[in-house]
Amino acid sequence: MSHNEHFLFPKVQSSVLSDPSLFFSRNLLSSPLPTNSFFQNFTLKNGDYPEYIHPYLIKSAHSSISISYPSFFHNPPSIYQKFVRDLTIFSTDKTTSASDKSHVITSNGDLSLTLDIPSSNLRFFLVRGSPFLTCSVPARHGDQSPLFMQFSRFLPIVHSPSIPLS
């Protein structure tokens, strides 16, 4: 093998771990997938494990994103964070998709992640350490608005149709 050729590891089928490439967009699959990344839980099994992106736990499931301000629980051997939905963002305008993916990672970096939810036409920009969560609705669905469902500790969110969500 010459020094210009790249070595490719053979594909392996695991009975324990799912294929993480299912959760990445095609343009990200041309380079090696990240390992030990802060968003790893979005790529395990069905991708519906909560992920801690400081300061929130975020879970993608059922064409939506749910956010939890983590509560710490403890018992003698451990301290852990429990996911309790505080806020869910979703869309009533669901599209049918050729794939059954709940979400797709379309961009990632050391501190940020772009998560698309194909069936809801929603895009989330998640940044570690940011107290803000940004949601984008594509222009072709301009009459569509994301919906917010409050569950507990957040103040009520009120959206007036006369105020654009940009």
Protein backbone atom coordinates (compact mmCIF):
# COMPACT_ATOMS: atom_id res chain seq x y z
CA MET A 1 0.00 0.00 0.00
CA SER A 2 1.45 3.35 -1.00
CA HIS A 3 1.45 6.31 1.34
CA ASN A 4 -1.27 8.00 -0.80
CA GLU A 5 -3.80 5.21 -0.28
CA HIS A 6 -6.12 5.23 2.73
CA PHE A 7 -6.70 2.11 4.77
CA LEU A 8 -10.37 1.29 5.24
CA PHE A 9 -11.40 -0.83 8.17
CA PRO A 10 -13.79 -3.62 7.21
CA LYS A 11 -17.47 -3.19 8.08
CA VAL A 12 -18.56 -5.16 11.13
CA GLN A 13 -22.06 -6.14 12.14
CA SER A 14 -22.70 -5.75 15.86
CA SER A 15 -25.52 -7.41 17.75
CA VAL A 16 -25.07 -4.87 20.56
CA LEU A 17 -24.67 -1.52 18.81
CA SER A 18 -26.67 -0.19 15.91
CA ASP A 19 -25.06 1.39 12.86
CA PRO A 20 -24.48 5.07 13.79
CA SER A 21 -24.17 6.09 10.13
CA LEU A 22 -27.98 5.78 9.87
CA PHE A 23 -28.27 9.04 11.83
CA PHE A 24 -25.79 11.09 9.76
CA SER A 25 -26.55 12.91 6.51
CA ARG A 26 -24.90 11.61 3.35
CA ASN A 27 -22.46 14.52 3.12
CA LEU A 28 -21.00 13.60 6.54
CA LEU A 29 -20.44 9.95 5.59
CA SER A 30 -17.54 10.72 3.25
CA SER A 31 -15.24 11.18 6.23
CA PRO A 32 -14.80 9.08 9.39
CA LEU A 33 -17.61 9.35 11.91
CA PRO A 34 -16.78 11.05 15.19
CA THR A 35 -16.15 8.90 18.23
CA ASN A 36 -16.60 9.86 21.87
CA SER A 37 -18.58 12.93 20.80
CA PHE A 38 -20.84 14.96 23.05
CA PHE A 39 -23.88 13.95 20.95
CA GLN A 40 -23.20 10.19 20.85
CA ASN A 41 -26.55 9.24 22.40
CA PHE A 42 -28.34 10.61 19.31
CA THR A 43 -26.75 7.75 17.33
CA LEU A 44 -27.25 4.78 19.68
CA LYS A 45 -29.98 2.20 19.03
CA ASN A 46 -33.05 4.22 17.91
CA GLY A 47 -31.39 7.56 18.64
CA ASP A 48 -33.92 8.32 21.36
CA TYR A 49 -31.64 8.41 24.39
CA PRO A 50 -31.45 11.78 26.14
CA GLU A 51 -28.21 13.65 25.51
CA TYR A 52 -26.70 16.14 27.93
CA ILE A 53 -25.87 19.29 26.01
CA HIS A 54 -25.11 21.70 28.82
CA PRO A 55 -27.28 23.09 30.38
CA TYR A 56 -30.10 20.77 29.22
CA LEU A 57 -30.89 17.15 28.57
CA ILE A 58 -32.28 16.91 25.03
CA LYS A 59 -34.15 13.97 23.56
CA SER A 60 -35.23 13.43 19.97
CA ALA A 61 -38.20 11.14 19.54
CA HIS A 62 -41.48 10.93 17.66
CA SER A 63 -40.76 13.83 15.26
CA SER A 64 -40.02 16.23 18.09
CA ILE A 65 -37.35 17.51 20.45
CA SER A 66 -37.97 17.39 24.19
CA ILE A 67 -35.94 19.41 26.64
CA SER A 68 -35.36 18.76 30.30
CA TYR A 69 -33.63 20.99 32.79
CA PRO A 70 -31.88 18.13 34.55
CA SER A 71 -32.60 17.18 38.09
CA PHE A 72 -29.92 15.37 40.02
CA PHE A 73 -30.83 12.21 41.84
CA HIS A 74 -28.58 10.19 44.03
CA ASN A 75 -28.32 6.97 45.93
CA PRO A 76 -25.31 5.67 47.84
CA PRO A 77 -23.28 4.40 44.86
CA SER A 78 -24.10 7.09 42.27
CA ILE A 79 -25.40 10.48 41.22
CA TYR A 80 -27.36 10.72 37.99
CA GLN A 81 -29.57 13.03 35.95
CA LYS A 82 -33.12 12.01 35.25
CA PHE A 83 -34.88 13.11 32.06
CA VAL A 84 -38.24 14.74 32.86
CA ARG A 85 -39.80 16.56 29.90
CA ASP A 86 -40.11 20.28 30.55
CA LEU A 87 -40.71 21.43 26.99
CA THR A 88 -41.39 19.71 23.66
CA ILE A 89 -41.10 21.36 20.26
CA PHE A 90 -42.87 19.71 17.34
CA SER A 91 -44.83 20.50 14.21
CA THR A 92 -48.33 19.52 13.24
CA ASP A 93 -47.32 19.58 9.58
CA LYS A 94 -45.77 16.14 9.26
CA THR A 95 -44.45 14.85 5.95
CA THR A 96 -44.00 11.28 4.88
CA SER A 97 -40.40 10.30 4.46
CA ALA A 98 -38.81 7.41 2.63
CA SER A 99 -36.86 6.62 5.78
CA ASP A 100 -38.09 6.02 9.28
CA LYS A 101 -35.36 8.19 10.80
CA SER A 102 -36.49 10.25 13.75
CA HIS A 103 -33.61 12.68 13.15
CA VAL A 104 -30.54 13.25 11.01
CA ILE A 105 -27.29 14.91 12.06
CA THR A 106 -26.49 17.30 9.21
CA SER A 107 -23.57 19.16 10.76
CA ASN A 108 -21.38 18.66 13.78
CA GLY A 109 -18.38 20.21 15.47
CA ASP A 110 -16.63 20.18 18.83
CA LEU A 111 -19.30 22.38 20.44
CA SER A 112 -22.27 22.36 18.09
CA LEU A 113 -24.65 20.07 16.29
CA THR A 114 -27.35 20.58 13.67
CA LEU A 115 -30.18 18.11 14.04
CA ASP A 116 -32.87 17.80 11.36
CA ILE A 117 -36.22 16.14 11.94
CA PRO A 118 -37.27 15.16 8.40
CA SER A 119 -40.87 14.23 9.19
CA SER A 120 -41.56 17.62 10.82
CA ASN A 121 -39.39 19.81 8.57
CA LEU A 122 -37.70 21.24 11.65
CA ARG A 123 -34.00 21.96 12.12
CA PHE A 124 -32.40 22.46 15.53
CA PHE A 125 -29.06 24.14 16.18
CA LEU A 126 -27.69 22.78 19.44
CA VAL A 127 -24.67 24.45 21.03
CA ARG A 128 -22.98 23.22 24.20
CA GLY A 129 -23.06 25.80 26.96
CA SER A 130 -25.73 27.94 25.32
CA PRO A 131 -28.93 28.49 27.28
CA PHE A 132 -30.75 29.02 23.96
CA LEU A 133 -32.23 26.44 21.62
CA THR A 134 -32.68 27.59 18.04
CA CYS A 135 -35.28 26.01 15.79
CA SER A 136 -35.59 26.71 12.08
CA VAL A 137 -38.56 26.07 9.80
CA PRO A 138 -37.69 25.92 6.08
CA ALA A 139 -39.09 28.77 3.95
CA ARG A 140 -41.07 26.37 1.77
CA HIS A 141 -43.19 25.68 4.82
CA GLY A 142 -43.62 29.35 5.71
CA ASP A 143 -47.17 28.96 6.96
CA GLN A 144 -46.06 26.22 9.34
CA SER A 145 -45.13 27.14 12.89
CA PRO A 146 -43.42 24.97 15.43
CA LEU A 147 -45.61 24.18 18.41
CA PHE A 148 -44.47 24.24 21.99
CA MET A 149 -45.86 22.03 24.69
CA GLN A 150 -45.03 23.06 28.24
CA PHE A 151 -44.80 20.38 30.89
CA SER A 152 -43.46 21.90 34.06
CA ARG A 153 -40.91 24.45 35.18
CA PHE A 154 -40.74 26.83 32.21
CA LEU A 155 -42.85 29.95 32.01
CA PRO A 156 -45.69 29.72 29.49
CA ILE A 157 -44.72 30.47 25.89
CA VAL A 158 -47.06 32.65 23.93
CA HIS A 159 -46.73 33.09 20.19
CA SER A 160 -48.71 35.67 18.30
CA PRO A 161 -49.14 35.03 14.54
CA SER A 162 -48.39 38.72 13.96
CA ILE A 163 -44.85 38.24 15.36
CA PRO A 164 -42.60 36.26 12.98
CA LEU A 165 -40.56 33.41 14.40
CA SER A 166 -37.28 34.46 12.78
